[in-house]
Amino acid sequence: MFLLYPAGDDESLRGAYVRTIIRQCTETILQSQGIDISKYEISFLESSLQKRMNENGCDSAEEYCALLERDRKECTTFVDALQISYSLFFRNPLTCAVLERMVLPAVALQRKSSRRHEIRVWSAACAGGEEAYSLAILLEELVAGKENIAYRIFATDQSDVQIDKARSGEYAATALNNLTLKRAGEWFTRRGDTCTVRSELQKHIEFSTFDLFSDGIGCPPASIFGDFDLVVCANLLFYYQEPFRDTILAKIGHCLTAGGYLVTGETERDIVMRHRYQELYPQSAIFTRSTP
C-alpha cells in the first residue's frame, strides 16, 4: 500500500486525496512538457509518484508537487519514468510454447495455401527488441527449409531510445537466460559479457517508432496496410485507463487479418476477453477475435 495519504484509514478520503494529487501533477506536467499523462491508470501514476518522492527525499506528496512546479528537469524525469520499457526473451513460457507448437504452424499452413505466402507479425510496444527477436527465432525455426513461405516482423515502440537499442541487437549475456544453449549459440555472437543478434535474424524485422494513440494512423506506417496474422501487445494494457485500453484494442482489431491472433500479458487476459476475444488455450494469453 502506498503512503500518499497523510493519515487515517478511510479509503474514500484516501482515494479523493490521491486523485487530487495526481490531477495537480498532471496539470503541472502538461504545462511544463506539453504531455498529457492522464491516460495512465491511477495506481500506476501513484506508484510512479511514490518512487519519485522517495528518490527526491520528499516527506509528502504536496512537497513533491511543489518540486514539480519549480523544476522542469524533474517533470522530464517523471515522464521518462512512465515509459514502459521492460522486456525479456521468451518471457512467458506457456505463451511461447503455444505459439511454437500450435499458432505459428497453423498460420504457416494457412499462408502456404493462400495467395499471400508471407506471415506478417506486429510486435507493438517492443521495448528493447527482446520480444521481436524471440518471435523471429520461432519463425526462423518454423520456415527453415520450407519453400514458398516467408515472414516479416514489424516491431514498434513510442520511444526512439528503445528502438535504437532494439536495432543494435546488443544485450548483456545474462539477458539470454531464458534461451536454450542451442538457440543462444545459433542466433547470437558473444564477445565478453555482450551478446549480439546475428544479422540473419535481424533482416526480417523492421523496427520503427510508433505511437499507439496516433490519430488517423491505424497501423505502423512501415507495414503499409497492416493485415497482420499475429499481433503481440503484452504487458501494456494494464498501464492505461479503460478508454485508452479500448483505443489500443480497437486499433489492433482493425489491423488483424481474418482469423488472426492477439497475444497479451498473463494479467491482461480479463481485459481482452471483455472485447470480443476468446482465449485459444487456457492461461496462454493468446486470443482469436469472436464473431459479432
Protein backbone atom coordinates (compact mmCIF):
# COMPACT_ATOMS: atom_id res chain seq x y z
CA MET A 1 0.00 0.00 0.00
CA PHE A 2 1.34 3.41 -0.92
CA LEU A 3 1.62 6.18 1.63
CA LEU A 4 0.42 9.24 -0.25
CA TYR A 5 -2.46 9.85 2.12
CA PRO A 6 -1.02 11.51 5.23
CA ALA A 7 -3.26 9.96 7.88
CA GLY A 8 -6.31 7.81 8.53
CA ASP A 9 -7.77 4.62 7.12
CA ASP A 10 -10.81 5.97 5.28
CA GLU A 11 -10.38 4.59 1.75
CA SER A 12 -12.83 7.06 0.20
CA LEU A 13 -10.90 10.01 1.65
CA ARG A 14 -7.62 8.46 0.62
CA GLY A 15 -8.91 7.90 -2.92
CA ALA A 16 -10.06 11.51 -3.20
CA TYR A 17 -6.70 12.71 -1.88
CA VAL A 18 -4.75 10.60 -4.38
CA ARG A 19 -6.90 11.79 -7.29
CA THR A 20 -6.36 15.42 -6.25
CA ILE A 21 -2.58 14.97 -6.07
CA ILE A 22 -2.47 13.11 -9.41
CA ARG A 23 -4.58 15.82 -11.06
CA GLN A 24 -2.23 18.51 -9.76
CA CYS A 25 0.83 16.64 -11.07
CA THR A 26 -0.88 16.02 -14.41
CA GLU A 27 -1.66 19.71 -14.86
CA THR A 28 1.89 20.72 -13.93
CA ILE A 29 3.46 18.28 -16.40
CA LEU A 30 1.03 19.30 -19.16
CA GLN A 31 2.00 22.95 -18.69
CA SER A 32 5.72 22.19 -18.43
CA GLN A 33 6.15 19.44 -21.04
CA GLY A 34 3.02 19.63 -23.17
CA ILE A 35 2.47 15.94 -22.36
CA ASP A 36 -0.83 14.61 -21.05
CA ILE A 37 -0.27 11.74 -18.61
CA SER A 38 -3.95 11.42 -17.68
CA LYS A 39 -4.27 8.34 -19.91
CA TYR A 40 -2.30 6.25 -17.43
CA GLU A 41 -4.03 4.13 -14.80
CA ILE A 42 -4.27 5.90 -11.43
CA SER A 43 -2.49 3.16 -9.47
CA PHE A 44 0.43 3.25 -11.93
CA LEU A 45 0.71 7.04 -11.60
CA GLU A 46 0.51 6.71 -7.82
CA SER A 47 3.32 4.15 -7.64
CA SER A 48 5.45 6.25 -10.01
CA LEU A 49 4.81 9.33 -7.89
CA GLN A 50 5.76 7.46 -4.72
CA LYS A 51 9.05 6.34 -6.28
CA ARG A 52 9.93 9.87 -7.37
CA MET A 53 9.06 11.15 -3.89
CA ASN A 54 11.42 8.61 -2.38
CA GLU A 55 14.18 9.45 -4.88
CA ASN A 56 13.92 13.15 -4.02
CA GLY A 57 13.55 12.67 -0.27
CA CYS A 58 10.12 14.32 -0.16
CA ASP A 59 8.15 13.78 3.04
CA SER A 60 4.78 14.50 1.49
CA ALA A 61 3.02 14.47 -1.86
CA GLU A 62 2.47 18.23 -1.52
CA GLU A 63 6.21 18.74 -1.21
CA TYR A 64 6.81 16.73 -4.37
CA CYS A 65 4.10 18.65 -6.27
CA ALA A 66 5.86 21.89 -5.32
CA LEU A 67 9.14 20.41 -6.62
CA LEU A 68 7.48 19.56 -9.95
CA GLU A 69 6.18 23.11 -10.30
CA ARG A 70 9.61 24.69 -9.93
CA ASP A 71 11.83 22.06 -11.55
CA ARG A 72 11.32 21.30 -15.26
CA LYS A 73 14.03 18.66 -15.13
CA GLU A 74 12.05 16.69 -12.56
CA CYS A 75 8.98 16.94 -14.80
CA THR A 76 11.02 15.34 -17.59
CA THR A 77 12.31 12.64 -15.25
CA PHE A 78 8.79 11.83 -14.07
CA VAL A 79 7.53 11.47 -17.64
CA ASP A 80 10.52 9.28 -18.55
CA ALA A 81 9.74 7.07 -15.55
CA LEU A 82 6.33 6.33 -17.08
CA GLN A 83 7.82 4.80 -20.22
CA ILE A 84 7.24 1.04 -20.19
CA SER A 85 10.48 -0.48 -21.40
CA TYR A 86 10.91 -3.78 -19.57
CA SER A 87 11.05 -6.92 -21.68
CA LEU A 88 12.60 -10.38 -21.75
CA PHE A 89 13.44 -13.02 -24.33
CA PHE A 90 10.78 -15.78 -24.27
CA ARG A 91 9.10 -14.02 -21.36
CA ASN A 92 6.06 -16.27 -20.86
CA PRO A 93 6.99 -19.97 -21.30
CA LEU A 94 3.40 -21.16 -21.79
CA THR A 95 2.61 -18.47 -24.35
CA CYS A 96 5.82 -19.19 -26.26
CA ALA A 97 5.14 -22.94 -26.23
CA VAL A 98 1.61 -22.49 -27.63
CA LEU A 99 2.92 -20.11 -30.28
CA GLU A 100 5.65 -22.53 -31.28
CA ARG A 101 3.57 -25.71 -31.38
CA MET A 102 0.10 -24.55 -32.34
CA VAL A 103 -0.32 -20.98 -33.53
CA LEU A 104 2.62 -20.33 -35.83
CA PRO A 105 2.41 -23.73 -37.60
CA ALA A 106 -1.31 -23.07 -38.21
CA VAL A 107 -0.55 -19.62 -39.62
CA ALA A 108 2.21 -21.02 -41.83
CA LEU A 109 -0.14 -23.68 -43.21
CA GLN A 110 -2.78 -21.06 -43.94
CA ARG A 111 -0.28 -18.75 -45.65
CA LYS A 112 1.17 -21.56 -47.75
CA SER A 113 -2.25 -22.34 -49.19
CA SER A 114 -3.27 -18.70 -49.74
CA ARG A 115 -2.29 -16.02 -52.23
CA ARG A 116 -0.13 -14.27 -49.62
CA HIS A 117 2.78 -16.54 -48.70
CA GLU A 118 4.18 -14.16 -46.09
CA ILE A 119 3.50 -14.37 -42.35
CA ARG A 120 3.04 -10.82 -41.02
CA VAL A 121 3.60 -10.07 -37.32
CA TRP A 122 3.34 -6.83 -35.34
CA SER A 123 5.26 -6.56 -32.07
CA ALA A 124 3.61 -3.50 -30.54
CA ALA A 125 5.46 -1.74 -27.70
CA CYS A 126 8.53 -3.88 -28.40
CA ALA A 127 10.78 -2.02 -25.91
CA GLY A 128 14.39 -3.15 -26.40
CA GLY A 129 13.53 -5.77 -29.02
CA GLU A 130 13.66 -8.95 -26.97
CA GLU A 131 10.09 -9.86 -27.89
CA ALA A 132 10.61 -9.29 -31.62
CA TYR A 133 13.79 -11.35 -31.70
CA SER A 134 12.09 -14.16 -29.76
CA LEU A 135 9.34 -14.25 -32.38
CA ALA A 136 11.94 -14.21 -35.16
CA ILE A 137 13.70 -17.22 -33.66
CA LEU A 138 10.45 -19.19 -33.58
CA LEU A 139 9.63 -18.21 -37.14
CA GLU A 140 13.12 -18.97 -38.44
CA GLU A 141 12.91 -22.44 -36.95
CA LEU A 142 9.45 -22.87 -38.44
CA VAL A 143 10.19 -21.81 -42.02
CA ALA A 144 13.70 -23.30 -42.25
CA GLY A 145 13.90 -25.47 -45.36
CA LYS A 146 10.34 -24.66 -46.42
CA GLU A 147 9.72 -23.18 -49.85
CA ASN A 148 7.16 -20.50 -50.69
CA ILE A 149 6.84 -19.25 -47.11
CA ALA A 150 8.40 -16.15 -45.61
CA TYR A 151 7.81 -13.79 -42.70
CA ARG A 152 8.20 -10.17 -41.65
CA ILE A 153 8.00 -8.68 -38.19
CA PHE A 154 7.11 -5.03 -37.70
CA ALA A 155 8.34 -4.02 -34.25
CA THR A 156 7.34 -0.64 -32.85
CA ASP A 157 7.70 1.42 -29.72
CA GLN A 158 6.94 5.04 -28.90
CA SER A 159 10.48 5.54 -27.59
CA ASP A 160 13.29 6.39 -30.03
CA VAL A 161 15.78 5.27 -27.39
CA GLN A 162 14.22 1.81 -27.16
CA ILE A 163 14.02 1.44 -30.94
CA ASP A 164 17.70 2.35 -31.28
CA LYS A 165 18.55 -0.26 -28.65
CA ALA A 166 16.44 -2.87 -30.45
CA ARG A 167 18.08 -2.13 -33.80
CA SER A 168 21.55 -2.54 -32.28
CA GLY A 169 20.64 -6.08 -31.17
CA GLU A 170 23.17 -5.94 -28.32
CA TYR A 171 22.33 -7.42 -24.92
CA ALA A 172 24.05 -8.43 -21.72
CA ALA A 173 24.81 -12.14 -21.71
CA THR A 174 22.51 -12.56 -18.70
CA ALA A 175 19.57 -11.37 -20.84
CA LEU A 176 19.72 -14.70 -22.71
CA ASN A 177 18.99 -16.81 -19.63
CA ASN A 178 15.57 -17.90 -20.96
CA LEU A 179 17.07 -19.21 -24.21
CA THR A 180 18.32 -22.75 -24.67
CA LEU A 181 22.06 -23.08 -25.19
CA LYS A 182 21.36 -24.17 -28.76
CA ARG A 183 19.33 -21.07 -29.57
CA ALA A 184 21.76 -18.74 -27.83
CA GLY A 185 24.66 -20.21 -29.77
CA GLU A 186 22.86 -20.24 -33.09
CA TRP A 187 21.38 -16.74 -33.06
CA PHE A 188 23.82 -14.65 -31.02
CA THR A 189 27.50 -13.81 -31.20
CA ARG A 190 29.13 -13.40 -27.83
CA ARG A 191 32.03 -11.09 -27.01
CA GLY A 192 32.81 -10.98 -23.33
CA ASP A 193 29.61 -10.16 -21.46
CA THR A 194 27.82 -8.81 -24.55
CA CYS A 195 25.74 -10.85 -26.99
CA THR A 196 24.75 -9.53 -30.41
CA VAL A 197 21.90 -10.81 -32.58
CA ARG A 198 23.10 -12.34 -35.84
CA SER A 199 22.26 -10.41 -38.99
CA GLU A 200 20.31 -13.35 -40.43
CA LEU A 201 17.73 -12.83 -37.69
CA GLN A 202 17.67 -9.04 -37.91
CA LYS A 203 16.94 -8.84 -41.63
CA HIS A 204 13.35 -9.97 -41.21
CA ILE A 205 12.49 -7.30 -38.62
CA GLU A 206 11.50 -3.69 -39.35
CA PHE A 207 11.94 -1.52 -36.24
CA SER A 208 10.20 1.86 -36.17
CA THR A 209 8.83 4.47 -33.78
CA PHE A 210 5.06 4.39 -33.49
CA ASP A 211 2.58 5.88 -31.02
CA LEU A 212 -0.42 3.63 -30.45
CA PHE A 213 -2.51 6.74 -29.77
CA SER A 214 -1.65 8.49 -33.04
CA ASP A 215 -4.79 9.94 -34.57
CA GLY A 216 -5.65 8.74 -38.03
CA ILE A 217 -2.90 6.11 -38.18
CA GLY A 218 -4.26 2.61 -37.78
CA CYS A 219 -1.08 0.57 -38.10
CA PRO A 220 2.69 1.08 -38.28
CA PRO A 221 3.41 3.07 -41.49
CA ALA A 222 6.24 0.65 -42.32
CA SER A 223 3.68 -2.15 -42.67
CA ILE A 224 1.65 -0.05 -45.16
CA PHE A 225 -1.65 -1.89 -44.76
CA GLY A 226 -1.47 -3.95 -41.57
CA ASP A 227 -3.16 -7.29 -42.31
CA PHE A 228 -1.27 -9.00 -39.51
CA ASP A 229 -1.57 -12.70 -38.77
CA LEU A 230 -0.29 -12.11 -35.25
CA VAL A 231 -0.14 -9.01 -33.03
CA VAL A 232 1.76 -9.11 -29.75
CA CYS A 233 0.81 -6.36 -27.31
CA ALA A 234 1.89 -7.79 -23.98
CA ASN A 235 2.08 -6.17 -20.56
CA LEU A 236 0.97 -2.77 -21.77
CA LEU A 237 -2.82 -2.50 -21.45
CA PHE A 238 -2.92 -2.53 -17.66
CA TYR A 239 -0.89 0.69 -17.50
CA TYR A 240 -3.74 2.68 -19.09
CA GLN A 241 -7.22 3.71 -18.10
CA GLU A 242 -10.11 1.87 -19.73
CA PRO A 243 -10.91 4.31 -22.58
CA PHE A 244 -7.29 4.14 -23.72
CA ARG A 245 -7.22 0.35 -23.46
CA ASP A 246 -10.27 0.41 -25.74
CA THR A 247 -8.39 2.60 -28.21
CA ILE A 248 -5.43 0.23 -28.36
CA LEU A 249 -7.58 -2.88 -28.76
CA ALA A 250 -9.72 -1.24 -31.44
CA LYS A 251 -6.62 -0.27 -33.40
CA ILE A 252 -5.23 -3.80 -33.12
CA GLY A 253 -8.56 -5.30 -34.13
CA HIS A 254 -8.57 -3.29 -37.36
CA CYS A 255 -5.02 -4.45 -38.14
CA LEU A 256 -5.61 -8.17 -37.67
CA THR A 257 -6.33 -10.33 -40.67
CA ALA A 258 -9.42 -12.53 -40.54
CA GLY A 259 -8.65 -15.38 -38.14
CA GLY A 260 -5.58 -13.58 -36.80
CA TYR A 261 -4.22 -13.89 -33.25
CA LEU A 262 -3.62 -11.39 -30.44
CA VAL A 263 -1.08 -12.06 -27.68
CA THR A 264 -1.15 -10.10 -24.42
CA GLY A 265 0.31 -10.44 -20.95
CA GLU A 266 -0.98 -13.01 -18.46
CA THR A 267 -2.50 -10.36 -16.18
CA GLU A 268 -4.36 -8.71 -19.08
CA ARG A 269 -6.49 -11.69 -20.06
CA ASP A 270 -9.69 -10.41 -18.43
CA ILE A 271 -9.29 -7.02 -20.12
CA VAL A 272 -9.06 -8.61 -23.57
CA MET A 273 -11.90 -11.09 -23.06
CA ARG A 274 -14.25 -8.17 -22.44
CA HIS A 275 -13.59 -7.05 -26.02
CA ARG A 276 -14.97 -9.97 -28.05
CA TYR A 277 -11.80 -12.05 -27.89
CA GLN A 278 -11.68 -15.73 -26.99
CA GLU A 279 -8.63 -17.35 -25.43
CA LEU A 280 -7.20 -20.05 -27.67
CA TYR A 281 -5.72 -22.18 -24.89
CA PRO A 282 -6.35 -21.73 -21.12
CA GLN A 283 -3.95 -19.28 -19.44
CA SER A 284 -1.97 -18.80 -22.67
CA ALA A 285 -2.96 -15.13 -23.20
CA ILE A 286 -3.35 -15.90 -26.92
CA PHE A 287 -6.68 -14.84 -28.41
CA THR A 288 -8.77 -15.01 -31.54
CA ARG A 289 -11.47 -12.48 -32.37
CA SER A 290 -15.02 -13.58 -31.64
CA THR A 291 -17.65 -13.12 -34.33
CA PRO A 292 -20.20 -10.34 -33.58
